[in-house]
């Protein structure tokens, strides 16, 4: 799939304020500073689409981007940003949880993991919660260029292996780089495949 146009549509403070049409939605989420905005811009071939920032944790709303007039890419706030107040953390947690559990148009959640790091408890808790909640999700490892292609793939495989302590069947995963555009075609083709299955 090639993205011909990507348009920012709406920022919503709650799930009830999200777009009212029934186009499929693919949500992107990860810990703060995982490279989410850079990945979204790389996938859409649009440098300024999602706002990148030197300060992590800038996304505070549910942001919808309409892709090719057919489906939404949804940029969710990051989790685990310790410098936020407890009240703000709880508010964002409620927003994310209600969107993921209540949004009928949500087709898949892409969980972003920085491939350079060993498994973090907060990522694992979130992934296990998605599984327990029967939410379809896919893992996207980011920043593979920092390790190189071979080491990046090895580290991702090791990370996935660690899930086997609780997971009988592992979720799909991709290894990406916003710098080299590695993994871009694979992620977009994956979304395209799901969209075609929905239509059929």
N, C-alpha and C. Protein backbone atom coordinates (compact mmCIF):
# COMPACT_ATOMS: atom_id res chain seq x y z
N UNK A 1 0.84 -1.20 0.00
CA UNK A 1 0.00 0.00 0.00
C UNK A 1 0.88 1.25 0.00
N UNK A 2 0.47 2.21 -0.80
CA UNK A 2 1.16 3.50 -0.78
C UNK A 2 0.22 4.55 -0.20
N UNK A 3 0.71 5.37 0.71
CA UNK A 3 -0.12 6.43 1.28
C UNK A 3 -0.04 7.64 0.36
N UNK A 4 -1.16 7.97 -0.27
CA UNK A 4 -1.20 9.10 -1.20
C UNK A 4 -1.54 10.40 -0.48
N UNK A 5 -2.43 10.30 0.51
CA UNK A 5 -2.68 11.50 1.32
C UNK A 5 -3.01 11.13 2.76
N UNK A 6 -2.52 11.97 3.66
CA UNK A 6 -2.72 11.79 5.09
C UNK A 6 -3.12 13.14 5.66
N UNK A 7 -4.30 13.21 6.23
CA UNK A 7 -4.83 14.49 6.71
C UNK A 7 -5.15 14.41 8.19
N UNK A 8 -4.67 15.39 8.94
CA UNK A 8 -5.08 15.49 10.34
C UNK A 8 -6.57 15.84 10.37
N UNK A 9 -7.34 15.10 11.15
CA UNK A 9 -8.80 15.28 11.16
C UNK A 9 -9.30 15.89 12.46
N UNK A 10 -8.86 15.32 13.58
CA UNK A 10 -9.49 15.69 14.85
C UNK A 10 -8.61 15.29 16.03
N UNK A 11 -8.61 16.14 17.08
CA UNK A 11 -8.03 15.77 18.38
C UNK A 11 -9.18 15.68 19.37
N UNK A 12 -9.29 14.56 20.05
CA UNK A 12 -10.43 14.33 20.94
C UNK A 12 -9.97 14.11 22.38
N UNK A 13 -10.66 14.75 23.36
CA UNK A 13 -10.29 14.54 24.76
C UNK A 13 -10.88 13.25 25.34
N UNK A 14 -11.93 12.72 24.69
CA UNK A 14 -12.57 11.48 25.15
C UNK A 14 -12.99 10.66 23.94
N UNK A 15 -13.25 9.39 24.18
CA UNK A 15 -13.66 8.50 23.08
C UNK A 15 -14.99 8.95 22.46
N UNK A 16 -15.85 9.55 23.27
CA UNK A 16 -17.16 9.98 22.75
C UNK A 16 -17.06 11.12 21.75
N UNK A 17 -15.92 11.83 21.74
CA UNK A 17 -15.74 12.96 20.82
C UNK A 17 -15.00 12.55 19.53
N UNK A 18 -14.67 11.26 19.39
CA UNK A 18 -13.95 10.78 18.21
C UNK A 18 -14.86 10.83 16.97
N UNK A 19 -14.28 10.73 15.76
CA UNK A 19 -15.09 10.80 14.54
C UNK A 19 -16.26 9.81 14.56
N UNK A 20 -17.35 10.21 13.94
CA UNK A 20 -18.58 9.42 14.02
C UNK A 20 -18.75 8.46 12.84
N UNK A 21 -17.87 8.52 11.85
CA UNK A 21 -18.01 7.57 10.73
C UNK A 21 -17.46 6.19 11.14
N UNK A 22 -17.58 5.23 10.27
CA UNK A 22 -17.23 3.86 10.63
C UNK A 22 -15.97 3.34 9.96
N UNK A 23 -15.07 4.24 9.58
CA UNK A 23 -13.83 3.79 8.93
C UNK A 23 -12.96 3.04 9.95
N UNK A 24 -12.23 2.00 9.49
CA UNK A 24 -11.37 1.26 10.41
C UNK A 24 -10.27 2.14 11.00
N UNK A 25 -9.91 1.86 12.24
CA UNK A 25 -8.91 2.66 12.94
C UNK A 25 -7.77 1.78 13.43
N UNK A 26 -6.55 2.29 13.25
CA UNK A 26 -5.34 1.61 13.71
C UNK A 26 -4.64 2.55 14.68
N UNK A 27 -4.56 2.14 15.93
CA UNK A 27 -4.02 3.03 16.97
C UNK A 27 -2.54 2.72 17.21
N UNK A 28 -1.77 3.80 17.45
CA UNK A 28 -0.33 3.69 17.73
C UNK A 28 -0.08 4.22 19.14
N UNK A 29 0.62 3.41 19.93
CA UNK A 29 0.87 3.80 21.32
C UNK A 29 2.20 3.20 21.78
N UNK A 30 2.82 3.85 22.74
CA UNK A 30 4.06 3.32 23.30
C UNK A 30 4.50 4.20 24.46
N UNK A 31 5.56 3.79 25.11
CA UNK A 31 6.10 4.64 26.17
C UNK A 31 6.56 5.96 25.59
N UNK A 32 6.54 6.99 26.40
CA UNK A 32 7.04 8.29 25.96
C UNK A 32 8.47 8.16 25.49
N UNK A 33 8.80 8.85 24.43
CA UNK A 33 10.16 8.85 23.88
C UNK A 33 10.51 7.59 23.09
N UNK A 34 9.50 6.85 22.65
CA UNK A 34 9.74 5.62 21.89
C UNK A 34 9.92 5.90 20.39
N UNK A 35 9.63 7.17 19.99
CA UNK A 35 9.76 7.53 18.58
C UNK A 35 8.47 7.38 17.80
N UNK A 36 7.34 7.56 18.50
CA UNK A 36 6.02 7.37 17.87
C UNK A 36 5.74 8.37 16.77
N UNK A 37 5.95 9.65 17.05
CA UNK A 37 5.67 10.68 16.04
C UNK A 37 6.55 10.49 14.81
N UNK A 38 7.82 10.18 15.03
CA UNK A 38 8.74 9.95 13.91
C UNK A 38 8.29 8.76 13.08
N UNK A 39 7.83 7.71 13.74
CA UNK A 39 7.36 6.53 13.01
C UNK A 39 6.12 6.85 12.18
N UNK A 40 5.17 7.58 12.78
CA UNK A 40 3.94 7.95 12.06
C UNK A 40 4.28 8.79 10.84
N UNK A 41 5.18 9.76 11.02
CA UNK A 41 5.58 10.62 9.89
C UNK A 41 6.28 9.80 8.80
N UNK A 42 7.08 8.83 9.21
CA UNK A 42 7.78 7.98 8.24
C UNK A 42 6.78 7.11 7.47
N UNK A 43 5.84 6.51 8.17
CA UNK A 43 4.84 5.66 7.50
C UNK A 43 4.03 6.46 6.49
N UNK A 44 3.69 7.70 6.87
CA UNK A 44 2.84 8.53 6.02
C UNK A 44 3.63 9.35 5.00
N UNK A 45 4.97 9.26 5.07
CA UNK A 45 5.83 10.04 4.16
C UNK A 45 5.52 11.53 4.27
N UNK A 46 5.37 11.99 5.49
CA UNK A 46 4.91 13.36 5.73
C UNK A 46 5.61 13.87 6.99
N UNK A 47 6.67 14.65 6.80
CA UNK A 47 7.55 15.03 7.93
C UNK A 47 6.85 15.72 9.08
N UNK A 48 5.87 16.58 8.78
CA UNK A 48 5.28 17.37 9.86
C UNK A 48 3.90 16.92 10.30
N UNK A 49 3.51 15.69 9.95
CA UNK A 49 2.13 15.25 10.24
C UNK A 49 1.91 15.13 11.74
N UNK A 50 2.65 14.23 12.38
CA UNK A 50 2.59 14.12 13.84
C UNK A 50 3.71 14.98 14.41
N UNK A 51 3.38 15.74 15.44
CA UNK A 51 4.36 16.69 15.98
C UNK A 51 5.44 15.95 16.78
N UNK A 52 6.68 16.02 16.30
CA UNK A 52 7.79 15.46 17.07
C UNK A 52 8.31 16.53 18.02
N UNK A 53 8.87 16.09 19.12
CA UNK A 53 9.31 17.05 20.13
C UNK A 53 10.53 16.52 20.86
N UNK A 54 11.38 17.44 21.29
CA UNK A 54 12.53 17.05 22.11
C UNK A 54 12.07 16.64 23.50
N UNK A 55 10.88 17.12 23.89
CA UNK A 55 10.32 16.75 25.19
C UNK A 55 9.34 15.61 25.00
N UNK A 56 9.58 14.46 25.63
CA UNK A 56 8.65 13.35 25.47
C UNK A 56 7.31 13.64 26.12
N UNK A 57 6.29 12.89 25.69
CA UNK A 57 4.99 12.98 26.35
C UNK A 57 4.14 14.17 25.93
N UNK A 58 4.31 14.65 24.70
CA UNK A 58 3.55 15.83 24.27
C UNK A 58 2.13 15.50 23.84
N UNK A 59 1.87 14.26 23.37
CA UNK A 59 0.53 13.90 22.91
C UNK A 59 -0.38 13.72 24.12
N UNK A 60 -1.42 14.57 24.21
CA UNK A 60 -2.32 14.52 25.36
C UNK A 60 -3.76 14.25 24.95
N UNK A 61 -3.99 14.06 23.65
CA UNK A 61 -5.33 13.84 23.13
C UNK A 61 -5.31 12.64 22.19
N UNK A 62 -6.49 12.19 21.79
CA UNK A 62 -6.62 11.13 20.78
C UNK A 62 -6.63 11.80 19.42
N UNK A 63 -5.56 11.62 18.65
CA UNK A 63 -5.42 12.32 17.36
C UNK A 63 -5.73 11.40 16.19
N UNK A 64 -6.68 11.81 15.36
CA UNK A 64 -7.08 11.03 14.19
C UNK A 64 -6.49 11.62 12.91
N UNK A 65 -5.86 10.78 12.10
CA UNK A 65 -5.37 11.16 10.77
C UNK A 65 -6.06 10.28 9.73
N UNK A 66 -6.71 10.90 8.77
CA UNK A 66 -7.41 10.14 7.72
C UNK A 66 -6.41 9.79 6.62
N UNK A 67 -6.28 8.50 6.33
CA UNK A 67 -5.30 8.01 5.36
C UNK A 67 -6.00 7.55 4.08
N UNK A 68 -5.62 8.14 2.96
CA UNK A 68 -6.18 7.80 1.64
C UNK A 68 -7.71 7.85 1.61
N UNK A 69 -8.28 8.63 2.54
CA UNK A 69 -9.73 8.75 2.60
C UNK A 69 -10.43 7.47 3.04
N UNK A 70 -9.66 6.47 3.48
CA UNK A 70 -10.25 5.14 3.72
C UNK A 70 -10.16 4.64 5.16
N UNK A 71 -9.10 5.02 5.87
CA UNK A 71 -8.93 4.52 7.24
C UNK A 71 -8.22 5.56 8.09
N UNK A 72 -8.34 5.39 9.41
CA UNK A 72 -7.72 6.33 10.33
C UNK A 72 -6.48 5.73 11.00
N UNK A 73 -5.44 6.52 11.02
CA UNK A 73 -4.30 6.26 11.88
C UNK A 73 -4.53 7.09 13.14
N UNK A 74 -4.51 6.45 14.29
CA UNK A 74 -4.84 7.13 15.55
C UNK A 74 -3.60 7.20 16.43
N UNK A 75 -3.21 8.41 16.77
CA UNK A 75 -2.04 8.67 17.61
C UNK A 75 -2.52 8.84 19.05
N UNK A 76 -2.23 7.86 19.89
CA UNK A 76 -2.67 7.90 21.30
C UNK A 76 -1.56 8.45 22.19
N UNK A 77 -1.92 9.05 23.33
CA UNK A 77 -0.89 9.53 24.26
C UNK A 77 0.02 8.39 24.70
N UNK A 78 1.29 8.71 24.95
CA UNK A 78 2.22 7.70 25.45
C UNK A 78 1.92 7.37 26.91
N UNK A 79 2.38 6.22 27.34
CA UNK A 79 2.21 5.86 28.74
C UNK A 79 3.57 5.87 29.44
N UNK A 80 3.51 6.00 30.76
CA UNK A 80 4.74 5.86 31.55
C UNK A 80 5.64 7.08 31.60
N UNK A 81 5.08 8.27 31.38
CA UNK A 81 5.92 9.47 31.47
C UNK A 81 5.87 10.00 32.89
N UNK A 82 6.93 9.74 33.64
CA UNK A 82 6.93 9.96 35.09
C UNK A 82 6.81 11.43 35.49
N UNK A 83 7.21 12.36 34.60
CA UNK A 83 7.24 13.77 35.00
C UNK A 83 5.84 14.40 35.02
N UNK A 84 4.84 13.69 34.55
CA UNK A 84 3.48 14.22 34.63
C UNK A 84 2.94 14.08 36.05
N UNK A 85 1.99 14.95 36.40
CA UNK A 85 1.35 14.84 37.71
C UNK A 85 0.54 13.54 37.76
N UNK A 86 0.30 13.08 38.98
CA UNK A 86 -0.48 11.84 39.15
C UNK A 86 -1.87 12.01 38.56
N UNK A 87 -2.46 13.18 38.73
CA UNK A 87 -3.80 13.45 38.20
C UNK A 87 -3.80 13.33 36.68
N UNK A 88 -2.79 13.92 36.03
CA UNK A 88 -2.70 13.86 34.57
C UNK A 88 -2.46 12.43 34.11
N UNK A 89 -1.60 11.71 34.82
CA UNK A 89 -1.34 10.31 34.46
C UNK A 89 -2.62 9.48 34.51
N UNK A 90 -3.41 9.70 35.56
CA UNK A 90 -4.66 8.94 35.71
C UNK A 90 -5.66 9.33 34.63
N UNK A 91 -5.72 10.60 34.29
CA UNK A 91 -6.63 11.08 33.25
C UNK A 91 -6.28 10.45 31.89
N UNK A 92 -4.98 10.46 31.57
CA UNK A 92 -4.54 9.88 30.30
C UNK A 92 -4.77 8.37 30.28
N UNK A 93 -4.55 7.73 31.40
CA UNK A 93 -4.77 6.29 31.49
C UNK A 93 -6.24 5.95 31.23
N UNK A 94 -7.15 6.74 31.80
CA UNK A 94 -8.59 6.54 31.59
C UNK A 94 -8.95 6.76 30.12
N UNK A 95 -8.37 7.82 29.52
CA UNK A 95 -8.63 8.13 28.11
C UNK A 95 -8.20 6.98 27.20
N UNK A 96 -6.97 6.48 27.43
CA UNK A 96 -6.43 5.39 26.61
C UNK A 96 -7.26 4.13 26.80
N UNK A 97 -7.55 3.78 28.06
CA UNK A 97 -8.30 2.56 28.35
C UNK A 97 -9.69 2.60 27.74
N UNK A 98 -10.39 3.72 27.90
CA UNK A 98 -11.76 3.80 27.37
C UNK A 98 -11.76 3.76 25.84
N UNK A 99 -10.77 4.41 25.21
CA UNK A 99 -10.70 4.35 23.74
C UNK A 99 -10.49 2.91 23.29
N UNK A 100 -9.52 2.23 23.88
CA UNK A 100 -9.17 0.87 23.43
C UNK A 100 -10.31 -0.11 23.70
N UNK A 101 -10.98 0.00 24.83
CA UNK A 101 -12.03 -0.96 25.18
C UNK A 101 -13.37 -0.64 24.53
N UNK A 102 -13.64 0.64 24.26
CA UNK A 102 -14.99 1.02 23.82
C UNK A 102 -15.09 1.33 22.32
N UNK A 103 -13.99 1.64 21.68
CA UNK A 103 -14.04 2.12 20.30
C UNK A 103 -14.28 0.96 19.33
N UNK A 104 -15.49 0.88 18.80
CA UNK A 104 -15.85 -0.24 17.93
C UNK A 104 -15.09 -0.22 16.60
N UNK A 105 -14.70 0.97 16.15
CA UNK A 105 -13.98 1.08 14.87
C UNK A 105 -12.52 0.65 14.98
N UNK A 106 -12.04 0.45 16.21
CA UNK A 106 -10.63 0.08 16.40
C UNK A 106 -10.40 -1.35 15.90
N UNK A 107 -9.48 -1.48 14.95
CA UNK A 107 -9.18 -2.77 14.33
C UNK A 107 -7.93 -3.39 14.94
N UNK A 108 -6.93 -2.56 15.22
CA UNK A 108 -5.65 -3.08 15.70
C UNK A 108 -4.90 -2.00 16.46
N UNK A 109 -4.22 -2.41 17.53
CA UNK A 109 -3.35 -1.51 18.29
C UNK A 109 -1.90 -1.87 17.96
N UNK A 110 -1.13 -0.88 17.53
CA UNK A 110 0.31 -1.08 17.33
C UNK A 110 1.03 -0.57 18.57
N UNK A 111 1.68 -1.49 19.28
CA UNK A 111 2.42 -1.14 20.49
C UNK A 111 3.88 -0.94 20.10
N UNK A 112 4.41 0.26 20.35
CA UNK A 112 5.78 0.59 19.95
C UNK A 112 6.75 0.32 21.09
N UNK A 113 7.84 -0.37 20.75
CA UNK A 113 8.88 -0.72 21.71
C UNK A 113 10.23 -0.28 21.15
N UNK A 114 11.03 0.40 21.95
CA UNK A 114 12.40 0.77 21.55
C UNK A 114 13.25 -0.50 21.56
N UNK A 115 13.70 -0.92 20.38
CA UNK A 115 14.38 -2.20 20.23
C UNK A 115 15.70 -2.27 21.01
N UNK A 116 16.24 -1.12 21.40
CA UNK A 116 17.54 -1.10 22.09
C UNK A 116 17.45 -1.58 23.53
N UNK A 117 16.23 -1.58 24.10
CA UNK A 117 16.11 -1.83 25.53
C UNK A 117 15.57 -3.23 25.83
N UNK A 118 16.01 -3.79 26.93
CA UNK A 118 15.43 -5.04 27.40
C UNK A 118 13.98 -4.79 27.82
N UNK A 119 13.17 -5.86 27.92
CA UNK A 119 11.76 -5.66 28.27
C UNK A 119 11.58 -4.84 29.55
N UNK A 120 10.69 -3.85 29.46
CA UNK A 120 10.37 -3.00 30.61
C UNK A 120 9.02 -3.47 31.18
N UNK A 121 8.90 -3.40 32.50
CA UNK A 121 7.67 -3.87 33.15
C UNK A 121 6.43 -3.17 32.62
N UNK A 122 6.53 -1.86 32.37
CA UNK A 122 5.35 -1.11 31.93
C UNK A 122 4.87 -1.55 30.55
N UNK A 123 5.82 -1.87 29.65
CA UNK A 123 5.42 -2.38 28.34
C UNK A 123 4.76 -3.75 28.48
N UNK A 124 5.36 -4.57 29.30
CA UNK A 124 4.85 -5.93 29.48
C UNK A 124 3.44 -5.91 30.09
N UNK A 125 3.23 -5.05 31.06
CA UNK A 125 1.90 -4.93 31.69
C UNK A 125 0.86 -4.51 30.65
N UNK A 126 1.24 -3.56 29.80
CA UNK A 126 0.30 -3.07 28.79
C UNK A 126 -0.03 -4.17 27.78
N UNK A 127 0.99 -4.89 27.32
CA UNK A 127 0.79 -5.96 26.34
C UNK A 127 -0.06 -7.08 26.95
N UNK A 128 0.23 -7.45 28.17
CA UNK A 128 -0.56 -8.50 28.83
C UNK A 128 -2.02 -8.06 29.00
N UNK A 129 -2.22 -6.78 29.32
CA UNK A 129 -3.58 -6.25 29.47
C UNK A 129 -4.35 -6.32 28.14
N UNK A 130 -3.68 -5.97 27.04
CA UNK A 130 -4.34 -6.07 25.72
C UNK A 130 -4.77 -7.51 25.46
N UNK A 131 -3.87 -8.46 25.76
CA UNK A 131 -4.20 -9.87 25.55
C UNK A 131 -5.37 -10.32 26.41
N UNK A 132 -5.34 -9.94 27.68
CA UNK A 132 -6.43 -10.31 28.60
C UNK A 132 -7.76 -9.68 28.18
N UNK A 133 -7.67 -8.51 27.53
CA UNK A 133 -8.88 -7.80 27.09
C UNK A 133 -9.32 -8.21 25.69
N UNK A 134 -8.60 -9.18 25.09
CA UNK A 134 -8.90 -9.68 23.72
C UNK A 134 -8.87 -8.57 22.68
N UNK A 135 -7.91 -7.67 22.81
CA UNK A 135 -7.72 -6.59 21.83
C UNK A 135 -6.66 -7.03 20.82
N UNK A 136 -6.96 -7.05 19.51
CA UNK A 136 -5.93 -7.40 18.52
C UNK A 136 -4.82 -6.36 18.53
N UNK A 137 -3.58 -6.83 18.60
CA UNK A 137 -2.47 -5.87 18.62
C UNK A 137 -1.25 -6.46 17.92
N UNK A 138 -0.35 -5.56 17.56
CA UNK A 138 0.90 -5.91 16.88
C UNK A 138 2.01 -5.10 17.53
N UNK A 139 3.18 -5.68 17.66
CA UNK A 139 4.32 -4.95 18.24
C UNK A 139 5.17 -4.37 17.11
N UNK A 140 5.52 -3.10 17.24
CA UNK A 140 6.46 -2.47 16.32
C UNK A 140 7.70 -2.05 17.10
N UNK A 141 8.83 -2.65 16.77
CA UNK A 141 10.10 -2.24 17.37
C UNK A 141 10.64 -1.05 16.59
N UNK A 142 11.00 0.00 17.31
CA UNK A 142 11.48 1.24 16.69
C UNK A 142 12.99 1.39 16.88
N UNK A 143 13.57 2.33 16.14
CA UNK A 143 14.97 2.76 16.29
C UNK A 143 15.98 1.65 15.98
N UNK A 144 15.63 0.76 15.03
CA UNK A 144 16.53 -0.36 14.68
C UNK A 144 17.84 0.14 14.08
N UNK A 145 17.83 1.34 13.49
CA UNK A 145 19.06 1.89 12.90
C UNK A 145 20.14 2.12 13.94
N UNK A 146 19.73 2.30 15.21
CA UNK A 146 20.71 2.53 16.28
C UNK A 146 21.53 1.28 16.58
N UNK A 147 20.99 0.11 16.21
CA UNK A 147 21.70 -1.16 16.47
C UNK A 147 22.27 -1.78 15.20
N UNK A 148 21.70 -1.42 14.06
CA UNK A 148 22.07 -2.09 12.81
C UNK A 148 21.07 -3.20 12.52
N UNK A 149 20.90 -3.59 11.25
CA UNK A 149 19.84 -4.51 10.87
C UNK A 149 19.91 -5.88 11.54
N UNK A 150 21.10 -6.47 11.62
CA UNK A 150 21.21 -7.82 12.18
C UNK A 150 20.95 -7.79 13.69
N UNK A 151 21.65 -6.89 14.39
CA UNK A 151 21.50 -6.79 15.86
C UNK A 151 20.06 -6.40 16.21
N UNK A 152 19.46 -5.52 15.40
CA UNK A 152 18.07 -5.09 15.64
C UNK A 152 17.11 -6.27 15.60
N UNK A 153 17.26 -7.11 14.57
CA UNK A 153 16.39 -8.28 14.44
C UNK A 153 16.62 -9.28 15.58
N UNK A 154 17.89 -9.45 15.95
CA UNK A 154 18.21 -10.37 17.05
C UNK A 154 17.59 -9.89 18.37
N UNK A 155 17.71 -8.60 18.62
CA UNK A 155 17.17 -8.03 19.87
C UNK A 155 15.65 -8.16 19.90
N UNK A 156 15.00 -7.91 18.74
CA UNK A 156 13.54 -8.03 18.66
C UNK A 156 13.11 -9.48 18.92
N UNK A 157 13.83 -10.43 18.32
CA UNK A 157 13.50 -11.85 18.50
C UNK A 157 13.65 -12.26 19.97
N UNK A 158 14.70 -11.73 20.61
CA UNK A 158 14.93 -12.02 22.04
C UNK A 158 13.80 -11.45 22.89
N UNK A 159 13.37 -10.24 22.54
CA UNK A 159 12.27 -9.59 23.26
C UNK A 159 11.01 -10.43 23.15
N UNK A 160 10.71 -10.88 21.92
CA UNK A 160 9.50 -11.69 21.70
C UNK A 160 9.58 -13.01 22.44
N UNK A 161 10.78 -13.57 22.49
CA UNK A 161 10.98 -14.85 23.19
C UNK A 161 10.60 -14.72 24.66
N UNK A 162 10.85 -13.53 25.23
CA UNK A 162 10.56 -13.32 26.66
C UNK A 162 9.06 -13.37 26.96
N UNK A 163 8.22 -13.19 25.92
CA UNK A 163 6.77 -13.24 26.14
C UNK A 163 6.26 -14.67 26.37
N UNK A 164 7.09 -15.64 26.01
CA UNK A 164 6.62 -17.02 26.05
C UNK A 164 6.37 -17.55 27.46
N UNK A 165 6.78 -16.77 28.48
CA UNK A 165 6.49 -17.21 29.85
C UNK A 165 4.99 -17.18 30.14
N UNK A 166 4.25 -16.34 29.36
CA UNK A 166 2.79 -16.27 29.56
C UNK A 166 1.99 -16.47 28.28
N UNK A 167 2.63 -16.25 27.15
CA UNK A 167 1.91 -16.28 25.87
C UNK A 167 2.17 -17.59 25.13
N UNK A 168 1.08 -18.28 24.81
CA UNK A 168 1.23 -19.51 24.01
C UNK A 168 1.46 -19.15 22.55
N UNK A 169 0.68 -18.17 22.06
CA UNK A 169 0.82 -17.72 20.67
C UNK A 169 1.28 -16.27 20.69
N UNK A 170 2.40 -15.99 20.05
CA UNK A 170 2.96 -14.64 20.09
C UNK A 170 2.27 -13.74 19.07
N UNK A 171 2.12 -12.45 19.41
CA UNK A 171 1.52 -11.51 18.45
C UNK A 171 2.49 -11.23 17.29
N UNK A 172 1.97 -10.75 16.15
CA UNK A 172 2.87 -10.37 15.05
C UNK A 172 3.76 -9.20 15.49
N UNK A 173 4.93 -9.08 14.83
CA UNK A 173 5.79 -7.93 15.14
C UNK A 173 6.58 -7.51 13.91
N UNK A 174 7.00 -6.24 13.94
CA UNK A 174 7.80 -5.66 12.86
C UNK A 174 8.98 -4.91 13.47
N UNK A 175 10.08 -4.88 12.76
CA UNK A 175 11.27 -4.12 13.18
C UNK A 175 11.41 -2.94 12.24
N UNK A 176 11.44 -1.72 12.78
CA UNK A 176 11.41 -0.53 11.94
C UNK A 176 12.50 0.48 12.30
N UNK A 177 12.71 1.41 11.38
CA UNK A 177 13.57 2.57 11.63
C UNK A 177 12.98 3.77 10.90
N UNK A 178 12.75 4.83 11.64
CA UNK A 178 12.24 6.06 11.01
C UNK A 178 13.32 6.73 10.17
N UNK A 179 14.58 6.42 10.44
CA UNK A 179 15.70 7.03 9.72
C UNK A 179 15.89 6.36 8.36
N UNK A 180 15.93 5.03 8.35
CA UNK A 180 16.19 4.30 7.10
C UNK A 180 14.90 3.89 6.38
N UNK A 181 13.75 4.12 7.05
CA UNK A 181 12.43 3.68 6.55
C UNK A 181 12.31 2.16 6.52
N UNK A 182 13.17 1.49 7.25
CA UNK A 182 13.09 0.03 7.36
C UNK A 182 11.78 -0.39 8.01
N UNK A 183 11.14 -1.41 7.44
CA UNK A 183 9.88 -1.92 7.98
C UNK A 183 8.64 -1.19 7.50
N UNK A 184 8.83 -0.08 6.80
CA UNK A 184 7.68 0.74 6.36
C UNK A 184 6.71 -0.07 5.48
N UNK A 185 7.25 -0.68 4.42
CA UNK A 185 6.39 -1.42 3.49
C UNK A 185 5.68 -2.57 4.19
N UNK A 186 6.39 -3.24 5.09
CA UNK A 186 5.80 -4.39 5.78
C UNK A 186 4.60 -3.96 6.66
N UNK A 187 4.76 -2.86 7.39
CA UNK A 187 3.67 -2.38 8.25
C UNK A 187 2.47 -1.94 7.40
N UNK A 188 2.73 -1.19 6.35
CA UNK A 188 1.63 -0.70 5.50
C UNK A 188 0.93 -1.85 4.77
N UNK A 189 1.69 -2.83 4.33
CA UNK A 189 1.08 -4.00 3.67
C UNK A 189 0.22 -4.80 4.65
N UNK A 190 0.67 -4.84 5.89
CA UNK A 190 -0.09 -5.53 6.95
C UNK A 190 -1.45 -4.84 7.16
N UNK A 191 -1.42 -3.50 7.23
CA UNK A 191 -2.67 -2.74 7.39
C UNK A 191 -3.56 -2.95 6.16
N UNK A 192 -2.96 -2.91 4.99
CA UNK A 192 -3.70 -3.10 3.74
C UNK A 192 -4.40 -4.46 3.72
N UNK A 193 -3.69 -5.47 4.16
CA UNK A 193 -4.24 -6.84 4.19
C UNK A 193 -5.46 -6.91 5.12
N UNK A 194 -5.35 -6.29 6.29
CA UNK A 194 -6.49 -6.28 7.24
C UNK A 194 -7.66 -5.52 6.63
N UNK A 195 -7.39 -4.36 6.01
CA UNK A 195 -8.47 -3.59 5.39
C UNK A 195 -9.20 -4.39 4.33
N UNK A 196 -8.46 -5.15 3.54
CA UNK A 196 -9.09 -5.97 2.48
C UNK A 196 -9.94 -7.08 3.10
N UNK A 197 -9.45 -7.65 4.21
CA UNK A 197 -10.23 -8.70 4.90
C UNK A 197 -11.53 -8.13 5.45
N UNK A 198 -11.48 -6.90 5.95
CA UNK A 198 -12.68 -6.25 6.49
C UNK A 198 -13.71 -6.05 5.38
N UNK A 199 -13.24 -5.60 4.21
CA UNK A 199 -14.15 -5.35 3.08
C UNK A 199 -14.78 -6.64 2.58
N UNK A 200 -14.00 -7.73 2.58
CA UNK A 200 -14.51 -9.02 2.11
C UNK A 200 -15.48 -9.62 3.11
